[in-house]
Amino acid sequence: ELKLSADLIQIDYLQNQTLPLFTLDYQYGALSGSGGRFGDIGQDLFDGRYRDWSVGLKFEMPVSNEARKAKLDRAIAQRMQRLTTKTLQTLTVKREIHDALDKVDQNWQRIIAARQQVLVAGINYEAELKQFNEGLRTMTEVLETLNALGRGATQGNSCNQ
C-alpha cells in the first residue's frame, strides 16, 4: 500500500515535470535608507518610498520532453505492475481460504458419514444379537456384525483426528 501511494506521488511529480515552467519574481528593498537606521528604512517602506525594486517573469519550455515523458511512462508502468501483483496476491489468498474451507467441509461430511455408519452397525449388531438369543442366528454372524461395528467406530475416530 505504501509503495502504491509512493508511486502515485512519483507519477504526479513526473507529470508536473513535463509541463512548462512559469515564474514570477518580485523584489523590493530600501537598502539605501535616509539615515541608515532600521527605523528609517521601515518608515521609508510605509511611506511608499522604495529605493530598489524589480519584477521578473520567466518562462521555460524544454525543446524535447521525451526523456521526462519516458520517466513518466516508466512510473505508470511500475504502478500498474504493483497493482497487478497486489490483485494476484489478493486472489491467491482468497483461493487458499476457499480451498481450506472446502477441505473443512469435506472432513465434516466424512465425520457425519462415519457416525452414521457406526449407528447403523450398532443397530445391526443389536438385531443380530436379539436373533441369536432367539436361536435364529449363529455366533459367527453376530461376531461379523460386531466386527463391522468396530470397523465403523475406528473409521469414525480416524476422521475426528
C-alpha atoms as a PDB file:
ATOM      1  CA  GLU A   1       0.000   0.000   0.000  1.00  0.00           C
ATOM      2  CA  LEU A   2       2.820   2.369   0.861  1.00  0.00           C
ATOM      3  CA  LYS A   3       4.620   1.628  -2.386  1.00  0.00           C
ATOM      4  CA  LEU A   4       1.409   2.232  -4.330  1.00  0.00           C
ATOM      5  CA  SER A   5       0.990   5.601  -2.600  1.00  0.00           C
ATOM      6  CA  ALA A   6       4.624   6.471  -3.290  1.00  0.00           C
ATOM      7  CA  ASP A   7       4.136   5.511  -6.946  1.00  0.00           C
ATOM      8  CA  LEU A   8       1.145   7.841  -7.186  1.00  0.00           C
ATOM      9  CA  ILE A   9       3.166  10.726  -5.745  1.00  0.00           C
ATOM     10  CA  GLN A  10       6.013   9.946  -8.168  1.00  0.00           C
ATOM     11  CA  ILE A  11       3.589   9.945 -11.107  1.00  0.00           C
ATOM     12  CA  ASP A  12       2.157  13.311 -10.049  1.00  0.00           C
ATOM     13  CA  TYR A  13       5.657  14.730  -9.718  1.00  0.00           C
ATOM     14  CA  LEU A  14       6.738  13.423 -13.126  1.00  0.00           C
ATOM     15  CA  GLN A  15       3.563  14.744 -14.767  1.00  0.00           C
ATOM     16  CA  ASN A  16       4.381  18.135 -13.281  1.00  0.00           C
ATOM     17  CA  GLN A  17       7.916  17.900 -14.691  1.00  0.00           C
ATOM     18  CA  THR A  18       6.553  17.561 -18.241  1.00  0.00           C
ATOM     19  CA  LEU A  19       4.759  20.934 -18.010  1.00  0.00           C
ATOM     20  CA  PRO A  20       6.294  24.289 -18.950  1.00  0.00           C
ATOM     21  CA  LEU A  21       7.632  26.434 -16.103  1.00  0.00           C
ATOM     22  CA  PHE A  22       6.304  29.932 -15.369  1.00  0.00           C
ATOM     23  CA  THR A  23       7.985  32.034 -12.688  1.00  0.00           C
ATOM     24  CA  LEU A  24       7.032  35.493 -11.401  1.00  0.00           C
ATOM     25  CA  ASP A  25       9.564  37.240  -9.164  1.00  0.00           C
ATOM     26  CA  TYR A  26       9.091  40.497  -7.303  1.00  0.00           C
ATOM     27  CA  GLN A  27      11.731  42.064  -5.101  1.00  0.00           C
ATOM     28  CA  TYR A  28      11.898  45.312  -3.249  1.00  0.00           C
ATOM     29  CA  GLY A  29      14.333  46.797  -0.868  1.00  0.00           C
ATOM     30  CA  ALA A  30      15.219  50.005   0.934  1.00  0.00           C
ATOM     31  CA  LEU A  31      18.869  49.355   1.399  1.00  0.00           C
ATOM     32  CA  SER A  32      19.923  52.946   0.936  1.00  0.00           C
ATOM     33  CA  GLY A  33      17.710  54.425   3.654  1.00  0.00           C
ATOM     34  CA  SER A  34      17.864  58.112   4.573  1.00  0.00           C
ATOM     35  CA  GLY A  35      19.652  57.722   7.879  1.00  0.00           C
ATOM     36  CA  GLY A  36      20.846  54.164   7.573  1.00  0.00           C
ATOM     37  CA  ARG A  37      18.967  53.191  10.727  1.00  0.00           C
ATOM     38  CA  PHE A  38      16.438  50.382  10.820  1.00  0.00           C
ATOM     39  CA  GLY A  39      13.631  52.706  11.846  1.00  0.00           C
ATOM     40  CA  ASP A  40      14.266  54.977   8.880  1.00  0.00           C
ATOM     41  CA  ILE A  41      14.159  52.053   6.469  1.00  0.00           C
ATOM     42  CA  GLY A  42      10.827  50.874   7.932  1.00  0.00           C
ATOM     43  CA  GLN A  43       9.457  54.415   7.689  1.00  0.00           C
ATOM     44  CA  ASP A  44      10.502  54.593   4.033  1.00  0.00           C
ATOM     45  CA  LEU A  45       8.625  51.338   3.343  1.00  0.00           C
ATOM     46  CA  PHE A  46       5.414  52.558   4.962  1.00  0.00           C
ATOM     47  CA  ASP A  47       5.645  55.936   3.220  1.00  0.00           C
ATOM     48  CA  GLY A  48       5.972  54.228  -0.155  1.00  0.00           C
ATOM     49  CA  ARG A  49       9.479  55.493  -0.842  1.00  0.00           C
ATOM     50  CA  TYR A  50      11.169  52.375  -2.144  1.00  0.00           C
ATOM     51  CA  ARG A  51      14.763  52.730  -3.052  1.00  0.00           C
ATOM     52  CA  ASP A  52      15.076  49.496  -5.005  1.00  0.00           C
ATOM     53  CA  TRP A  53      12.537  47.127  -6.617  1.00  0.00           C
ATOM     54  CA  SER A  54      12.266  44.712  -9.515  1.00  0.00           C
ATOM     55  CA  VAL A  55       9.726  42.478 -11.267  1.00  0.00           C
ATOM     56  CA  GLY A  56      10.653  39.424 -13.305  1.00  0.00           C
ATOM     57  CA  LEU A  57       8.718  36.926 -15.410  1.00  0.00           C
ATOM     58  CA  LYS A  58      10.375  33.745 -16.608  1.00  0.00           C
ATOM     59  CA  PHE A  59       9.052  31.039 -18.949  1.00  0.00           C
ATOM     60  CA  GLU A  60      10.846  27.743 -19.593  1.00  0.00           C
ATOM     61  CA  MET A  61       9.768  25.213 -22.194  1.00  0.00           C
ATOM     62  CA  PRO A  62      12.038  22.254 -22.893  1.00  0.00           C
ATOM     63  CA  VAL A  63      12.925  21.713 -26.537  1.00  0.00           C
ATOM     64  CA  SER A  64      12.413  17.973 -26.185  1.00  0.00           C
ATOM     65  CA  ASN A  65      10.248  16.500 -23.446  1.00  0.00           C
ATOM     66  CA  GLU A  66      10.811  12.878 -24.467  1.00  0.00           C
ATOM     67  CA  ALA A  67      13.088  11.945 -21.537  1.00  0.00           C
ATOM     68  CA  ARG A  68      10.615  13.295 -18.987  1.00  0.00           C
ATOM     69  CA  LYS A  69       7.703  11.581 -20.716  1.00  0.00           C
ATOM     70  CA  ALA A  70       9.660   8.319 -20.771  1.00  0.00           C
ATOM     71  CA  LYS A  71      10.249   8.582 -17.000  1.00  0.00           C
ATOM     72  CA  LEU A  72       6.536   9.231 -16.532  1.00  0.00           C
ATOM     73  CA  ASP A  73       5.642   6.210 -18.684  1.00  0.00           C
ATOM     74  CA  ARG A  74       8.031   4.012 -16.645  1.00  0.00           C
ATOM     75  CA  ALA A  75       6.474   5.215 -13.378  1.00  0.00           C
ATOM     76  CA  ILE A  76       2.963   4.481 -14.683  1.00  0.00           C
ATOM     77  CA  ALA A  77       4.040   1.012 -15.841  1.00  0.00           C
ATOM     78  CA  GLN A  78       5.620   0.291 -12.441  1.00  0.00           C
ATOM     79  CA  ARG A  79       2.407   1.327 -10.667  1.00  0.00           C
ATOM     80  CA  MET A  80       0.341  -0.894 -12.938  1.00  0.00           C
ATOM     81  CA  GLN A  81       2.691  -3.812 -12.224  1.00  0.00           C
ATOM     82  CA  ARG A  82       2.347  -3.252  -8.467  1.00  0.00           C
ATOM     83  CA  LEU A  83      -1.445  -3.089  -8.767  1.00  0.00           C
ATOM     84  CA  THR A  84      -1.450  -6.329 -10.755  1.00  0.00           C
ATOM     85  CA  THR A  85       0.815  -8.016  -8.209  1.00  0.00           C
ATOM     86  CA  LYS A  86      -1.415  -6.845  -5.365  1.00  0.00           C
ATOM     87  CA  THR A  87      -4.509  -8.137  -7.174  1.00  0.00           C
ATOM     88  CA  LEU A  88      -2.855 -11.512  -7.777  1.00  0.00           C
ATOM     89  CA  GLN A  89      -1.833 -11.762  -4.133  1.00  0.00           C
ATOM     90  CA  THR A  90      -5.376 -10.961  -3.044  1.00  0.00           C
ATOM     91  CA  LEU A  91      -6.819 -13.573  -5.394  1.00  0.00           C
ATOM     92  CA  THR A  92      -4.290 -16.174  -4.225  1.00  0.00           C
ATOM     93  CA  VAL A  93      -5.151 -15.601  -0.571  1.00  0.00           C
ATOM     94  CA  LYS A  94      -8.878 -15.787  -1.337  1.00  0.00           C
ATOM     95  CA  ARG A  95      -8.389 -19.046  -3.260  1.00  0.00           C
ATOM     96  CA  GLU A  96      -6.375 -20.567  -0.401  1.00  0.00           C
ATOM     97  CA  ILE A  97      -9.088 -19.573   2.084  1.00  0.00           C
ATOM     98  CA  HIS A  98     -11.818 -21.118  -0.092  1.00  0.00           C
ATOM     99  CA  ASP A  99      -9.751 -24.296  -0.540  1.00  0.00           C
ATOM    100  CA  ALA A 100      -9.269 -24.580   3.225  1.00  0.00           C
ATOM    101  CA  LEU A 101     -12.995 -24.072   3.827  1.00  0.00           C
ATOM    102  CA  ASP A 102     -13.806 -26.747   1.227  1.00  0.00           C
ATOM    103  CA  LYS A 103     -11.442 -29.166   2.953  1.00  0.00           C
ATOM    104  CA  VAL A 104     -13.049 -28.467   6.340  1.00  0.00           C
ATOM    105  CA  ASP A 105     -16.477 -29.098   4.804  1.00  0.00           C
ATOM    106  CA  GLN A 106     -15.308 -32.355   3.204  1.00  0.00           C
ATOM    107  CA  ASN A 107     -13.852 -33.568   6.503  1.00  0.00           C
ATOM    108  CA  TRP A 108     -17.059 -32.651   8.309  1.00  0.00           C
ATOM    109  CA  GLN A 109     -19.058 -34.708   5.781  1.00  0.00           C
ATOM    110  CA  ARG A 110     -16.703 -37.661   6.400  1.00  0.00           C
ATOM    111  CA  ILE A 111     -17.281 -37.356  10.151  1.00  0.00           C
ATOM    112  CA  ILE A 112     -21.053 -37.347   9.675  1.00  0.00           C
ATOM    113  CA  ALA A 113     -20.877 -40.369   7.332  1.00  0.00           C
ATOM    114  CA  ALA A 114     -18.677 -42.294   9.802  1.00  0.00           C
ATOM    115  CA  ARG A 115     -21.086 -41.554  12.659  1.00  0.00           C
ATOM    116  CA  GLN A 116     -23.990 -42.779  10.568  1.00  0.00           C
ATOM    117  CA  GLN A 117     -22.075 -45.974   9.760  1.00  0.00           C
ATOM    118  CA  VAL A 118     -21.476 -46.582  13.475  1.00  0.00           C
ATOM    119  CA  LEU A 119     -25.158 -46.008  14.271  1.00  0.00           C
ATOM    120  CA  VAL A 120     -26.293 -48.388  11.530  1.00  0.00           C
ATOM    121  CA  ALA A 121     -23.698 -51.006  12.560  1.00  0.00           C
ATOM    122  CA  GLY A 122     -24.865 -50.689  16.185  1.00  0.00           C
ATOM    123  CA  ILE A 123     -28.487 -51.232  15.200  1.00  0.00           C
ATOM    124  CA  ASN A 124     -27.494 -54.247  13.066  1.00  0.00           C
ATOM    125  CA  TYR A 125     -25.469 -55.726  15.948  1.00  0.00           C
ATOM    126  CA  GLU A 126     -28.361 -55.361  18.383  1.00  0.00           C
ATOM    127  CA  ALA A 127     -30.713 -57.006  15.852  1.00  0.00           C
ATOM    128  CA  GLU A 128     -28.271 -59.892  15.211  1.00  0.00           C
ATOM    129  CA  LEU A 129     -27.747 -60.375  18.963  1.00  0.00           C
ATOM    130  CA  LYS A 130     -31.511 -60.475  19.553  1.00  0.00           C
ATOM    131  CA  GLN A 131     -31.946 -63.028  16.751  1.00  0.00           C
ATOM    132  CA  PHE A 132     -29.026 -65.046  18.218  1.00  0.00           C
ATOM    133  CA  ASN A 133     -30.763 -65.095  21.607  1.00  0.00           C
ATOM    134  CA  GLU A 134     -33.891 -66.382  19.879  1.00  0.00           C
ATOM    135  CA  GLY A 135     -31.850 -69.044  18.079  1.00  0.00           C
ATOM    136  CA  LEU A 136     -32.259 -67.601  14.585  1.00  0.00           C
ATOM    137  CA  ARG A 137     -28.577 -66.600  14.065  1.00  0.00           C
ATOM    138  CA  THR A 138     -25.253 -68.191  14.709  1.00  0.00           C
ATOM    139  CA  MET A 139     -22.473 -66.765  16.861  1.00  0.00           C
ATOM    140  CA  THR A 140     -20.368 -66.270  13.682  1.00  0.00           C
ATOM    141  CA  GLU A 141     -22.972 -63.908  12.197  1.00  0.00           C
ATOM    142  CA  VAL A 142     -23.136 -61.946  15.446  1.00  0.00           C
ATOM    143  CA  LEU A 143     -19.327 -61.659  15.573  1.00  0.00           C
ATOM    144  CA  GLU A 144     -19.213 -60.464  11.943  1.00  0.00           C
ATOM    145  CA  THR A 145     -21.732 -57.731  12.792  1.00  0.00           C
ATOM    146  CA  LEU A 146     -19.720 -56.821  15.887  1.00  0.00           C
ATOM    147  CA  ASN A 147     -16.575 -56.659  13.719  1.00  0.00           C
ATOM    148  CA  ALA A 148     -18.375 -54.267  11.303  1.00  0.00           C
ATOM    149  CA  LEU A 149     -19.349 -52.110  14.286  1.00  0.00           C
ATOM    150  CA  GLY A 150     -15.700 -51.989  15.396  1.00  0.00           C
ATOM    151  CA  ARG A 151     -14.500 -51.027  11.902  1.00  0.00           C
ATOM    152  CA  GLY A 152     -17.066 -48.194  11.742  1.00  0.00           C
ATOM    153  CA  ALA A 153     -16.023 -46.861  15.152  1.00  0.00           C
ATOM    154  CA  THR A 154     -12.335 -46.995  14.147  1.00  0.00           C
ATOM    155  CA  GLN A 155     -13.052 -45.107  10.917  1.00  0.00           C
ATOM    156  CA  GLY A 156     -15.045 -42.518  12.864  1.00  0.00           C
ATOM    157  CA  ASN A 157     -12.109 -41.963  15.228  1.00  0.00           C
ATOM    158  CA  SER A 158      -9.665 -41.540  12.327  1.00  0.00           C
ATOM    159  CA  CYS A 159     -11.966 -38.910  10.760  1.00  0.00           C
ATOM    160  CA  ASN A 160     -12.092 -36.986  14.029  1.00  0.00           C
ATOM    161  CA  GLN A 161      -8.309 -36.647  14.034  1.00  0.00           C
END
